[in-house]
Amino acid sequence: SVTEVYLLLDKMMSNPRNFLSDKRKDLYYGQLRFPSYKLYDRDDQLSIITDAYSQMTSEESSKMILVSGYSGTGKSALIEHARPILKTKNAHIIYGKFDQLQQAEPFVAIIDAFNDFFDKAKKGGPKYIQRIKTAIFEAIGSEVGVLTNFFPRLCQVLGSPVAD
């Protein structure tokens, strides 16, 4: 109410030292601060992701989990917290971000995600690259040239471009 505001202002004017401070430690007093490494109230979503991965691996098929939502809702933070859990289960985690300013380029988030994967695969060493290469050829066979057109960095894993 107006009366409460008036009384509070009156207290501030009569004894400003109680309300104002120039001490460095008081700079953050009254501010709500959250550590960036902590994830709040997302246990249900983390469980959904880990359960979905467990179900996917029990079916022995290639599938993916897509996380979507409005800007600023913590999708990236959720995936970053799921990453160590899923890595212990030998999951390959790749992600790309959709940027509304890049709408003219179709599938930009998917292309970015796979480009990131191919870059990491290249750093994984010859045995790892060979495993990925074998899995791609077994899954796609002679149609792999179509993928190299869509994902040029795939050539880093496969070697020279495959004719389509």
C-alpha atoms as a PDB file:
ATOM      1  CA  SER A   1       0.000   0.000   0.000  1.00  0.00           C
ATOM      2  CA  VAL A   2       0.991   3.645  -0.287  1.00  0.00           C
ATOM      3  CA  THR A   3       1.243   3.922   3.487  1.00  0.00           C
ATOM      4  CA  GLU A   4       3.716   1.021   3.692  1.00  0.00           C
ATOM      5  CA  VAL A   5       5.884   2.537   0.968  1.00  0.00           C
ATOM      6  CA  TYR A   6       5.808   5.909   2.741  1.00  0.00           C
ATOM      7  CA  LEU A   7       6.859   4.330   6.080  1.00  0.00           C
ATOM      8  CA  LEU A   8       9.683   2.388   4.426  1.00  0.00           C
ATOM      9  CA  LEU A   9      10.955   5.498   2.636  1.00  0.00           C
ATOM     10  CA  ASP A  10      10.777   7.407   5.912  1.00  0.00           C
ATOM     11  CA  LYS A  11      12.930   4.737   7.601  1.00  0.00           C
ATOM     12  CA  MET A  12      15.405   4.896   4.735  1.00  0.00           C
ATOM     13  CA  MET A  13      15.677   8.670   4.962  1.00  0.00           C
ATOM     14  CA  SER A  14      16.107   8.675   8.729  1.00  0.00           C
ATOM     15  CA  ASN A  15      18.841   6.009   8.758  1.00  0.00           C
ATOM     16  CA  PRO A  16      20.273   5.439   5.255  1.00  0.00           C
ATOM     17  CA  ARG A  17      23.266   3.418   6.547  1.00  0.00           C
ATOM     18  CA  ASN A  18      20.930   0.531   7.352  1.00  0.00           C
ATOM     19  CA  PHE A  19      19.826   0.412   3.716  1.00  0.00           C
ATOM     20  CA  LEU A  20      22.873   1.530   1.742  1.00  0.00           C
ATOM     21  CA  SER A  21      26.388   0.143   1.802  1.00  0.00           C
ATOM     22  CA  ASP A  22      29.561   0.569  -0.149  1.00  0.00           C
ATOM     23  CA  LYS A  23      31.114  -2.666   1.088  1.00  0.00           C
ATOM     24  CA  ARG A  24      32.198  -5.020  -1.683  1.00  0.00           C
ATOM     25  CA  LYS A  25      30.608  -8.026   0.035  1.00  0.00           C
ATOM     26  CA  ASP A  26      27.206  -6.336  -0.011  1.00  0.00           C
ATOM     27  CA  LEU A  27      27.177  -5.885  -3.795  1.00  0.00           C
ATOM     28  CA  TYR A  28      25.221  -9.114  -4.324  1.00  0.00           C
ATOM     29  CA  TYR A  29      22.969  -8.772  -1.313  1.00  0.00           C
ATOM     30  CA  GLY A  30      19.382  -9.145  -2.377  1.00  0.00           C
ATOM     31  CA  GLN A  31      20.198 -10.566  -5.798  1.00  0.00           C
ATOM     32  CA  LEU A  32      18.951 -13.974  -6.804  1.00  0.00           C
ATOM     33  CA  ARG A  33      21.898 -15.908  -8.216  1.00  0.00           C
ATOM     34  CA  PHE A  34      21.932 -19.457  -9.557  1.00  0.00           C
ATOM     35  CA  PRO A  35      25.127 -21.374 -10.251  1.00  0.00           C
ATOM     36  CA  SER A  36      25.451 -22.250 -13.930  1.00  0.00           C
ATOM     37  CA  TYR A  37      26.537 -25.831 -13.198  1.00  0.00           C
ATOM     38  CA  LYS A  38      23.322 -26.699 -11.334  1.00  0.00           C
ATOM     39  CA  LEU A  39      20.127 -27.935 -12.963  1.00  0.00           C
ATOM     40  CA  TYR A  40      16.935 -27.205 -11.067  1.00  0.00           C
ATOM     41  CA  ASP A  41      13.741 -29.270 -11.100  1.00  0.00           C
ATOM     42  CA  ARG A  42      14.596 -31.190 -14.259  1.00  0.00           C
ATOM     43  CA  ASP A  43      14.897 -34.693 -12.791  1.00  0.00           C
ATOM     44  CA  ASP A  44      11.760 -35.809 -14.640  1.00  0.00           C
ATOM     45  CA  GLN A  45      13.167 -34.694 -17.996  1.00  0.00           C
ATOM     46  CA  LEU A  46      16.542 -36.313 -17.272  1.00  0.00           C
ATOM     47  CA  SER A  47      14.739 -39.562 -16.447  1.00  0.00           C
ATOM     48  CA  ILE A  48      12.745 -39.377 -19.673  1.00  0.00           C
ATOM     49  CA  ILE A  49      15.951 -38.978 -21.691  1.00  0.00           C
ATOM     50  CA  THR A  50      17.830 -41.784 -19.917  1.00  0.00           C
ATOM     51  CA  ASP A  51      14.795 -44.113 -20.026  1.00  0.00           C
ATOM     52  CA  ALA A  52      14.307 -43.418 -23.731  1.00  0.00           C
ATOM     53  CA  TYR A  53      17.960 -44.223 -24.362  1.00  0.00           C
ATOM     54  CA  SER A  54      17.700 -47.469 -22.385  1.00  0.00           C
ATOM     55  CA  GLN A  55      14.627 -48.461 -24.381  1.00  0.00           C
ATOM     56  CA  MET A  56      16.375 -47.611 -27.647  1.00  0.00           C
ATOM     57  CA  THR A  57      19.398 -49.755 -26.838  1.00  0.00           C
ATOM     58  CA  SER A  58      17.284 -52.721 -25.757  1.00  0.00           C
ATOM     59  CA  GLU A  59      15.616 -52.762 -29.185  1.00  0.00           C
ATOM     60  CA  GLU A  60      18.989 -52.859 -31.008  1.00  0.00           C
ATOM     61  CA  SER A  61      17.970 -50.270 -33.559  1.00  0.00           C
ATOM     62  CA  SER A  62      19.255 -46.880 -34.566  1.00  0.00           C
ATOM     63  CA  LYS A  63      17.130 -44.115 -33.139  1.00  0.00           C
ATOM     64  CA  MET A  64      17.558 -40.620 -31.826  1.00  0.00           C
ATOM     65  CA  ILE A  65      16.139 -38.408 -29.131  1.00  0.00           C
ATOM     66  CA  LEU A  66      15.120 -34.915 -30.149  1.00  0.00           C
ATOM     67  CA  VAL A  67      14.736 -32.193 -27.538  1.00  0.00           C
ATOM     68  CA  SER A  68      12.708 -29.173 -28.523  1.00  0.00           C
ATOM     69  CA  GLY A  69      11.171 -26.181 -26.821  1.00  0.00           C
ATOM     70  CA  TYR A  70      11.046 -22.432 -26.664  1.00  0.00           C
ATOM     71  CA  SER A  71      14.180 -20.334 -26.589  1.00  0.00           C
ATOM     72  CA  GLY A  72      15.740 -19.966 -23.155  1.00  0.00           C
ATOM     73  CA  THR A  73      13.959 -22.922 -21.528  1.00  0.00           C
ATOM     74  CA  GLY A  74      17.154 -24.820 -20.717  1.00  0.00           C
ATOM     75  CA  LYS A  75      17.312 -27.438 -23.472  1.00  0.00           C
ATOM     76  CA  SER A  76      21.084 -27.142 -23.846  1.00  0.00           C
ATOM     77  CA  ALA A  77      21.601 -27.260 -20.078  1.00  0.00           C
ATOM     78  CA  LEU A  78      19.423 -30.371 -19.893  1.00  0.00           C
ATOM     79  CA  ILE A  79      21.474 -32.131 -22.576  1.00  0.00           C
ATOM     80  CA  GLU A  80      24.744 -31.074 -20.928  1.00  0.00           C
ATOM     81  CA  HIS A  81      23.550 -32.682 -17.688  1.00  0.00           C
ATOM     82  CA  ALA A  82      22.377 -35.821 -19.510  1.00  0.00           C
ATOM     83  CA  ARG A  83      25.681 -36.138 -21.402  1.00  0.00           C
ATOM     84  CA  PRO A  84      27.793 -37.723 -18.596  1.00  0.00           C
ATOM     85  CA  ILE A  85      24.977 -40.125 -17.697  1.00  0.00           C
ATOM     86  CA  LEU A  86      24.541 -41.261 -21.294  1.00  0.00           C
ATOM     87  CA  LYS A  87      28.284 -41.453 -21.999  1.00  0.00           C
ATOM     88  CA  THR A  88      28.574 -44.120 -19.299  1.00  0.00           C
ATOM     89  CA  LYS A  89      26.115 -46.118 -21.429  1.00  0.00           C
ATOM     90  CA  ASN A  90      28.209 -45.633 -24.616  1.00  0.00           C
ATOM     91  CA  ALA A  91      25.783 -43.165 -26.175  1.00  0.00           C
ATOM     92  CA  HIS A  92      26.844 -40.890 -29.015  1.00  0.00           C
ATOM     93  CA  ILE A  93      25.637 -37.428 -28.140  1.00  0.00           C
ATOM     94  CA  ILE A  94      25.481 -34.815 -30.843  1.00  0.00           C
ATOM     95  CA  TYR A  95      23.432 -31.699 -30.946  1.00  0.00           C
ATOM     96  CA  GLY A  96      22.784 -28.730 -33.133  1.00  0.00           C
ATOM     97  CA  LYS A  97      20.927 -25.540 -32.506  1.00  0.00           C
ATOM     98  CA  PHE A  98      18.293 -24.038 -34.714  1.00  0.00           C
ATOM     99  CA  ASP A  99      18.772 -20.321 -35.154  1.00  0.00           C
ATOM    100  CA  GLN A 100      15.789 -18.418 -36.512  1.00  0.00           C
ATOM    101  CA  LEU A 101      18.151 -16.072 -38.318  1.00  0.00           C
ATOM    102  CA  GLN A 102      19.442 -19.001 -40.394  1.00  0.00           C
ATOM    103  CA  GLN A 103      16.020 -20.190 -41.558  1.00  0.00           C
ATOM    104  CA  ALA A 104      17.018 -19.896 -45.210  1.00  0.00           C
ATOM    105  CA  GLU A 105      19.287 -22.939 -44.860  1.00  0.00           C
ATOM    106  CA  PRO A 106      17.112 -26.031 -44.384  1.00  0.00           C
ATOM    107  CA  PHE A 107      18.060 -28.602 -41.746  1.00  0.00           C
ATOM    108  CA  VAL A 108      20.835 -26.360 -40.382  1.00  0.00           C
ATOM    109  CA  ALA A 109      20.565 -27.801 -36.850  1.00  0.00           C
ATOM    110  CA  ILE A 110      20.806 -31.383 -38.113  1.00  0.00           C
ATOM    111  CA  ILE A 111      23.721 -30.552 -40.399  1.00  0.00           C
ATOM    112  CA  ASP A 112      25.538 -28.789 -37.540  1.00  0.00           C
ATOM    113  CA  ALA A 113      24.943 -31.748 -35.232  1.00  0.00           C
ATOM    114  CA  PHE A 114      26.347 -34.268 -37.688  1.00  0.00           C
ATOM    115  CA  ASN A 115      29.244 -32.010 -38.649  1.00  0.00           C
ATOM    116  CA  ASP A 116      30.128 -31.870 -34.952  1.00  0.00           C
ATOM    117  CA  PHE A 117      29.936 -35.677 -34.805  1.00  0.00           C
ATOM    118  CA  PHE A 118      32.144 -36.097 -37.870  1.00  0.00           C
ATOM    119  CA  ASP A 119      34.709 -33.662 -36.437  1.00  0.00           C
ATOM    120  CA  LYS A 120      34.795 -35.652 -33.183  1.00  0.00           C
ATOM    121  CA  ALA A 121      34.988 -38.946 -35.076  1.00  0.00           C
ATOM    122  CA  LYS A 122      38.031 -37.696 -36.951  1.00  0.00           C
ATOM    123  CA  LYS A 123      39.753 -37.095 -33.606  1.00  0.00           C
ATOM    124  CA  GLY A 124      38.778 -40.554 -32.316  1.00  0.00           C
ATOM    125  CA  GLY A 125      41.581 -42.394 -34.038  1.00  0.00           C
ATOM    126  CA  PRO A 126      41.764 -44.910 -36.895  1.00  0.00           C
ATOM    127  CA  LYS A 127      39.911 -47.768 -35.130  1.00  0.00           C
ATOM    128  CA  TYR A 128      37.028 -45.503 -34.162  1.00  0.00           C
ATOM    129  CA  ILE A 129      36.810 -44.041 -37.669  1.00  0.00           C
ATOM    130  CA  GLN A 130      36.814 -47.542 -39.170  1.00  0.00           C
ATOM    131  CA  ARG A 131      33.972 -48.618 -36.847  1.00  0.00           C
ATOM    132  CA  ILE A 132      31.869 -45.644 -37.887  1.00  0.00           C
ATOM    133  CA  LYS A 133      32.731 -46.103 -41.549  1.00  0.00           C
ATOM    134  CA  THR A 134      31.739 -49.789 -41.421  1.00  0.00           C
ATOM    135  CA  ALA A 135      28.471 -48.991 -39.621  1.00  0.00           C
ATOM    136  CA  ILE A 136      27.572 -46.324 -42.200  1.00  0.00           C
ATOM    137  CA  PHE A 137      28.294 -48.595 -45.177  1.00  0.00           C
ATOM    138  CA  GLU A 138      26.381 -51.498 -43.580  1.00  0.00           C
ATOM    139  CA  ALA A 139      23.367 -49.297 -42.898  1.00  0.00           C
ATOM    140  CA  ILE A 140      23.277 -47.328 -46.146  1.00  0.00           C
ATOM    141  CA  GLY A 141      25.392 -49.208 -48.639  1.00  0.00           C
ATOM    142  CA  SER A 142      25.760 -47.697 -52.084  1.00  0.00           C
ATOM    143  CA  GLU A 143      23.481 -44.754 -51.247  1.00  0.00           C
ATOM    144  CA  VAL A 144      26.171 -43.188 -49.047  1.00  0.00           C
ATOM    145  CA  GLY A 145      26.941 -40.679 -51.818  1.00  0.00           C
ATOM    146  CA  VAL A 146      23.630 -38.976 -51.122  1.00  0.00           C
ATOM    147  CA  LEU A 147      24.755 -38.418 -47.533  1.00  0.00           C
ATOM    148  CA  THR A 148      28.090 -36.961 -48.586  1.00  0.00           C
ATOM    149  CA  ASN A 149      26.182 -34.403 -50.646  1.00  0.00           C
ATOM    150  CA  PHE A 150      24.092 -33.469 -47.622  1.00  0.00           C
ATOM    151  CA  PHE A 151      26.958 -33.745 -45.088  1.00  0.00           C
ATOM    152  CA  PRO A 152      30.233 -32.815 -46.836  1.00  0.00           C
ATOM    153  CA  ARG A 153      32.245 -33.423 -43.654  1.00  0.00           C
ATOM    154  CA  LEU A 154      31.238 -37.070 -43.803  1.00  0.00           C
ATOM    155  CA  CYS A 155      34.094 -37.393 -46.306  1.00  0.00           C
ATOM    156  CA  GLN A 156      36.459 -36.841 -43.359  1.00  0.00           C
ATOM    157  CA  VAL A 157      35.248 -40.179 -42.011  1.00  0.00           C
ATOM    158  CA  LEU A 158      34.724 -42.079 -45.266  1.00  0.00           C
ATOM    159  CA  GLY A 159      37.769 -40.820 -47.105  1.00  0.00           C
ATOM    160  CA  SER A 160      37.348 -39.586 -50.664  1.00  0.00           C
ATOM    161  CA  PRO A 161      33.846 -38.599 -51.804  1.00  0.00           C
ATOM    162  CA  VAL A 162      31.684 -41.463 -52.965  1.00  0.00           C
ATOM    163  CA  ALA A 163      29.996 -41.015 -56.341  1.00  0.00           C
ATOM    164  CA  ASP A 164      26.214 -40.867 -56.172  1.00  0.00           C
END
